[in-house]
Protein backbone atom coordinates (compact mmCIF):
# COMPACT_ATOMS: atom_id res chain seq x y z
CA MET A 1 202.62 -19.66 27.67
CA ARG A 2 201.29 -16.89 29.98
CA VAL A 3 202.26 -16.78 33.57
CA THR A 4 200.31 -14.72 36.16
CA ALA A 5 201.38 -14.07 39.64
CA ILE A 6 198.52 -13.58 42.05
CA ILE A 7 199.21 -12.16 45.59
CA PRO A 8 196.45 -12.98 48.03
CA ALA A 9 196.14 -10.29 50.67
CA ARG A 10 193.69 -9.95 53.55
CA TYR A 11 193.37 -7.19 56.15
CA ALA A 12 191.70 -9.23 58.92
CA SER A 13 194.59 -11.39 60.23
CA THR A 14 194.34 -12.77 63.72
CA ARG A 15 197.96 -12.40 64.57
CA PHE A 16 198.60 -9.22 62.67
CA PRO A 17 195.65 -7.17 61.40
CA GLY A 18 196.35 -4.90 58.56
CA LYS A 19 199.65 -6.73 57.80
CA PRO A 20 199.77 -6.01 54.03
CA LEU A 21 199.85 -2.21 54.69
CA ALA A 22 202.58 -2.30 57.35
CA ASP A 23 205.21 0.26 56.44
CA ILE A 24 208.63 -1.05 55.42
CA CYS A 25 211.13 1.56 54.51
CA GLY A 26 208.54 4.07 53.31
CA LYS A 27 206.34 1.57 51.27
CA PRO A 28 203.48 -0.73 52.33
CA MET A 29 204.56 -4.42 52.49
CA ILE A 30 202.24 -5.42 49.66
CA GLN A 31 204.06 -2.91 47.40
CA TRP A 32 207.44 -4.58 48.04
CA VAL A 33 205.97 -7.96 47.23
CA TYR A 34 204.37 -6.67 44.16
CA GLU A 35 207.40 -4.93 42.78
CA ARG A 36 209.71 -7.81 43.54
CA THR A 37 207.41 -10.23 42.03
CA ALA A 38 207.10 -8.15 38.85
CA ARG A 39 210.91 -8.45 38.30
CA SER A 40 210.58 -12.18 37.84
CA THR A 41 211.63 -13.02 34.14
CA THR A 42 208.92 -15.79 33.86
CA VAL A 43 205.94 -13.72 35.02
CA ASN A 44 203.78 -11.74 32.54
CA ARG A 45 201.33 -10.21 34.88
CA VAL A 46 200.99 -9.51 38.69
CA ILE A 47 197.62 -9.11 40.39
CA VAL A 48 196.78 -8.53 44.14
CA ALA A 49 193.71 -10.47 45.21
CA THR A 50 191.97 -8.94 48.19
CA ASP A 51 188.52 -8.45 49.81
CA ASP A 52 189.55 -5.20 51.50
CA GLU A 53 189.15 -1.69 50.01
CA ARG A 54 192.06 -0.37 52.00
CA ILE A 55 194.47 -2.82 50.43
CA ALA A 56 192.98 -2.26 47.07
CA ALA A 57 193.41 1.53 47.32
CA ALA A 58 197.01 1.06 48.29
CA VAL A 59 197.69 -1.15 45.33
CA THR A 60 196.04 1.25 43.00
CA ALA A 61 197.92 4.18 44.59
CA PHE A 62 201.28 2.57 43.54
CA GLY A 63 200.07 1.61 40.02
CA GLY A 64 199.47 -2.11 40.66
CA GLU A 65 196.63 -4.25 39.40
CA VAL A 66 194.06 -5.43 41.88
CA ALA A 67 191.15 -7.83 41.80
CA MET A 68 188.47 -7.70 44.39
CA THR A 69 187.24 -11.01 45.79
CA ARG A 70 184.66 -12.47 48.16
CA ASN A 71 185.34 -12.20 51.81
CA ASP A 72 184.27 -15.79 52.68
CA HIS A 73 187.18 -17.79 51.27
CA PRO A 74 188.52 -20.29 53.69
CA THR A 75 192.11 -20.19 52.24
CA GLY A 76 194.25 -18.13 49.91
CA THR A 77 194.02 -20.88 47.31
CA ASP A 78 190.28 -20.39 47.07
CA ARG A 79 190.94 -16.66 46.72
CA LEU A 80 193.31 -17.48 43.80
CA ALA A 81 190.81 -19.71 42.22
CA GLU A 82 188.21 -17.00 42.06
CA VAL A 83 190.53 -14.66 40.25
CA ALA A 84 191.75 -17.45 38.01
CA GLU A 85 188.16 -17.87 36.69
CA ARG A 86 188.33 -14.36 35.20
CA ILE A 87 191.69 -14.34 33.49
CA ASP A 88 193.31 -16.03 30.51
CA THR A 89 196.57 -17.64 31.55
CA THR A 90 198.48 -20.96 31.57
CA LEU A 91 200.21 -20.95 34.80
CA ILE A 92 199.36 -19.11 38.08
CA VAL A 93 201.97 -18.37 40.72
CA ASN A 94 200.71 -17.93 44.39
CA VAL A 95 203.08 -15.49 45.93
CA GLN A 96 202.48 -14.93 49.65
CA GLY A 97 201.74 -11.32 50.47
CA ASP A 98 203.90 -11.36 53.57
CA GLU A 99 207.17 -11.96 51.65
CA PRO A 100 208.55 -8.46 51.02
CA LEU A 101 212.07 -9.73 50.49
CA ILE A 102 211.12 -12.53 47.99
CA ASP A 103 213.85 -13.01 45.43
CA PRO A 104 212.33 -12.90 41.93
CA ARG A 105 214.70 -15.69 40.86
CA MET A 106 212.84 -18.00 43.36
CA ILE A 107 209.74 -17.55 41.25
CA ASP A 108 211.61 -18.32 38.09
CA GLN A 109 213.01 -21.47 39.69
CA ALA A 110 209.49 -22.66 40.59
CA VAL A 111 207.91 -21.78 37.23
CA MET A 112 210.61 -23.28 34.81
CA PRO A 113 209.92 -26.96 35.76
CA MET A 114 206.19 -26.43 35.12
CA ARG A 115 207.03 -25.04 31.57
CA LEU A 116 209.17 -28.14 30.90
CA ASN A 117 206.63 -30.65 32.18
CA PRO A 118 203.21 -29.96 30.75
CA GLY A 119 201.68 -33.01 32.55
CA VAL A 120 202.40 -31.63 36.05
CA SER A 121 199.61 -29.91 37.77
CA MET A 122 201.39 -28.13 40.55
CA GLY A 123 204.94 -27.01 41.58
CA THR A 124 206.69 -25.47 44.49
CA LEU A 125 210.07 -25.06 46.21
CA ARG A 126 212.38 -26.55 48.70
CA SER A 127 215.71 -25.48 50.33
CA PRO A 128 218.27 -27.33 52.50
CA ILE A 129 217.69 -27.31 56.18
CA THR A 130 220.97 -26.24 57.75
CA THR A 131 220.12 -26.17 61.53
CA LEU A 132 218.75 -28.84 63.96
CA ASP A 133 216.36 -26.22 65.44
CA ASP A 134 214.69 -25.84 61.95
CA PHE A 135 214.57 -29.62 61.53
CA LEU A 136 212.82 -30.06 64.85
CA ASN A 137 210.56 -26.94 64.61
CA PRO A 138 206.92 -27.94 63.73
CA ASN A 139 206.47 -24.54 62.23
CA VAL A 140 209.08 -25.37 59.57
CA VAL A 141 207.37 -27.56 57.08
CA LYS A 142 209.63 -30.30 55.79
CA VAL A 143 209.34 -32.04 52.37
CA VAL A 144 210.67 -35.36 51.02
CA THR A 145 210.70 -36.15 47.33
CA ASP A 146 211.53 -38.98 44.83
CA ARG A 147 214.66 -39.17 42.67
CA ASN A 148 212.76 -37.02 40.05
CA GLY A 149 212.05 -34.23 42.38
CA PHE A 150 208.34 -35.00 42.91
CA ALA A 151 206.98 -34.73 46.44
CA LEU A 152 206.39 -37.85 48.43
CA TYR A 153 205.18 -36.15 51.56
CA PHE A 154 205.07 -32.80 53.44
CA SER A 155 205.16 -32.87 57.29
CA ARG A 156 205.56 -30.56 60.33
CA ALA A 157 207.57 -33.53 61.91
CA PRO A 158 211.26 -33.96 61.27
CA ILE A 159 211.42 -36.04 58.03
CA PRO A 160 213.22 -38.20 56.93
CA HIS A 161 213.50 -39.81 60.44
CA PRO A 162 217.17 -40.90 61.00
CA ARG A 163 216.49 -44.10 62.73
CA ASP A 164 220.20 -45.01 63.47
CA LEU A 165 221.16 -41.55 64.39
CA ALA A 166 218.18 -40.54 66.58
CA ASP A 167 219.87 -41.27 69.94
CA ASP A 168 222.41 -38.51 69.23
CA LEU A 169 220.86 -36.28 66.64
CA ALA A 170 222.74 -33.18 67.47
CA ALA A 171 226.10 -34.81 66.80
CA HIS A 172 224.97 -36.42 63.54
CA PHE A 173 222.64 -33.77 62.14
CA ALA A 174 225.11 -32.87 59.37
CA LYS A 175 224.66 -36.40 57.87
CA ILE A 176 220.93 -35.84 57.40
CA GLU A 177 219.83 -34.58 54.03
CA ALA A 178 216.57 -32.65 55.06
CA TYR A 179 214.76 -29.91 53.15
CA LYS A 180 212.17 -27.34 54.23
CA HIS A 181 209.21 -26.41 52.10
CA ILE A 182 208.99 -22.90 50.78
CA GLY A 183 205.37 -21.94 50.40
CA LEU A 184 205.47 -20.58 46.87
CA TYR A 185 203.16 -22.45 44.53
CA VAL A 186 202.70 -22.70 40.74
CA TYR A 187 199.40 -24.18 39.42
CA ARG A 188 198.06 -24.80 36.02
CA ARG A 189 194.94 -22.80 35.65
CA GLU A 190 192.72 -25.83 35.15
CA PHE A 191 193.95 -27.57 38.27
CA LEU A 192 193.77 -24.46 40.48
CA LEU A 193 190.06 -24.06 39.37
CA ALA A 194 189.44 -27.70 40.30
CA PHE A 195 191.43 -27.85 43.53
CA PRO A 196 188.95 -26.03 45.86
CA LYS A 197 186.29 -28.61 44.77
CA LEU A 198 188.46 -31.50 45.88
CA SER A 199 187.26 -32.96 49.29
CA SER A 200 189.53 -32.17 52.29
CA THR A 201 191.59 -35.24 53.26
CA PRO A 202 192.68 -36.88 56.55
CA LEU A 203 196.44 -36.09 56.26
CA GLU A 204 195.60 -32.48 55.30
CA GLN A 205 193.39 -32.09 58.33
CA LEU A 206 195.95 -33.88 60.63
CA GLU A 207 198.91 -31.81 59.60
CA LYS A 208 197.11 -28.61 58.67
CA LEU A 209 198.88 -28.56 55.25
CA GLU A 210 196.77 -27.83 52.30
CA GLN A 211 199.23 -29.28 49.83
CA LEU A 212 198.73 -32.75 51.19
CA ARG A 213 195.13 -32.67 49.61
CA ALA A 214 196.71 -32.66 46.26
CA LEU A 215 198.94 -35.76 47.06
CA GLU A 216 196.17 -37.68 48.71
CA HIS A 217 193.95 -37.18 45.63
CA GLY A 218 196.86 -38.56 43.54
CA PHE A 219 198.25 -35.32 41.91
CA ARG A 220 201.90 -34.95 41.60
CA ILE A 221 203.85 -31.89 42.87
CA LYS A 222 207.09 -30.93 41.22
CA VAL A 223 209.41 -29.54 43.90
CA ALA A 224 212.39 -27.41 42.61
CA GLU A 225 215.34 -26.77 44.80
CA THR A 226 216.60 -23.31 45.62
CA LYS A 227 219.57 -21.95 47.64
CA LEU A 228 217.98 -18.58 47.73
CA GLN A 229 216.35 -17.30 50.95
CA SER A 230 213.52 -14.99 51.75
CA GLN A 231 212.35 -13.37 54.93
CA GLY A 232 208.60 -13.43 55.77
CA VAL A 233 206.42 -11.42 58.28
CA ASP A 234 204.01 -13.51 60.37
CA VAL A 235 203.72 -11.29 63.50
CA PRO A 236 204.37 -7.69 64.31
CA GLU A 237 207.70 -8.70 65.99
CA ASP A 238 209.00 -9.85 62.56
CA LEU A 239 208.63 -6.36 61.10
CA GLU A 240 211.87 -4.90 62.53
CA PRO A 241 214.17 -7.69 61.29
CA VAL A 242 212.62 -7.30 57.81
CA ARG A 243 213.02 -3.63 57.97
CA LEU A 244 216.69 -3.88 58.83
CA ALA A 245 217.14 -6.45 55.92
CA MET A 246 215.34 -4.21 53.44
CA ALA A 247 217.47 -1.24 54.45
CA ALA A 248 220.67 -3.30 53.92
CA VAL A 249 219.36 -4.30 50.41
CA LEU A 250 218.57 -0.60 49.76
CA ARG A 251 222.06 0.51 50.87
CA GLN A 252 223.68 -1.97 48.60
CA LYS A 253 221.85 -0.63 45.62
CA GLY A 254 223.27 2.71 46.47
């Protein structure tokens, strides 16, 4: 079973133009993502998918593999699907290009259930929510699963809703078993090729969560749990904390 990690990377970001090339401790961010992804024990190949020659040049300069794509893709998933059409692989991992501190073990944790469950089309990760602020934050996507670890729903709202504790949520938050969704996805190649052709769905449009399209069309999503953490870069203000965290990692390696 071949597993290919694809890192979608675009230069034209509204909130942070040129983000993949931002310097972090002497390397462009995309290089950190690439190198950490390559350390996954389950991944056979890593490809950066981009429509920008500057990003392509940076990847080539550090010896990475790059695939040029069209510049009109509405989502990163569509960009992945274009690359998937050209390669021979069983599973494809979507690793976000703004996660320079991603732990390679997180990729392994998402891939392993897909290797063990050949009938599952798509997999992802969740981790426990430990603060009330995260539980209430609409930018922290929540997920609830069934007893077998398959997603029931993803939402920006605080789910599950604690009806009997809602009047004093701060005092009773520790009693709530809630999980945040980590946006790392694993797809079977044939499903990824079909996914962009699925019609957009009402819940997807309402919540602005692309994974709801899969659920609304009846596909199951396996959700593995992780205790590991990453630290992403959404806006320029996120860079300095990530640089400090990366410097600490490098010091530990000595």
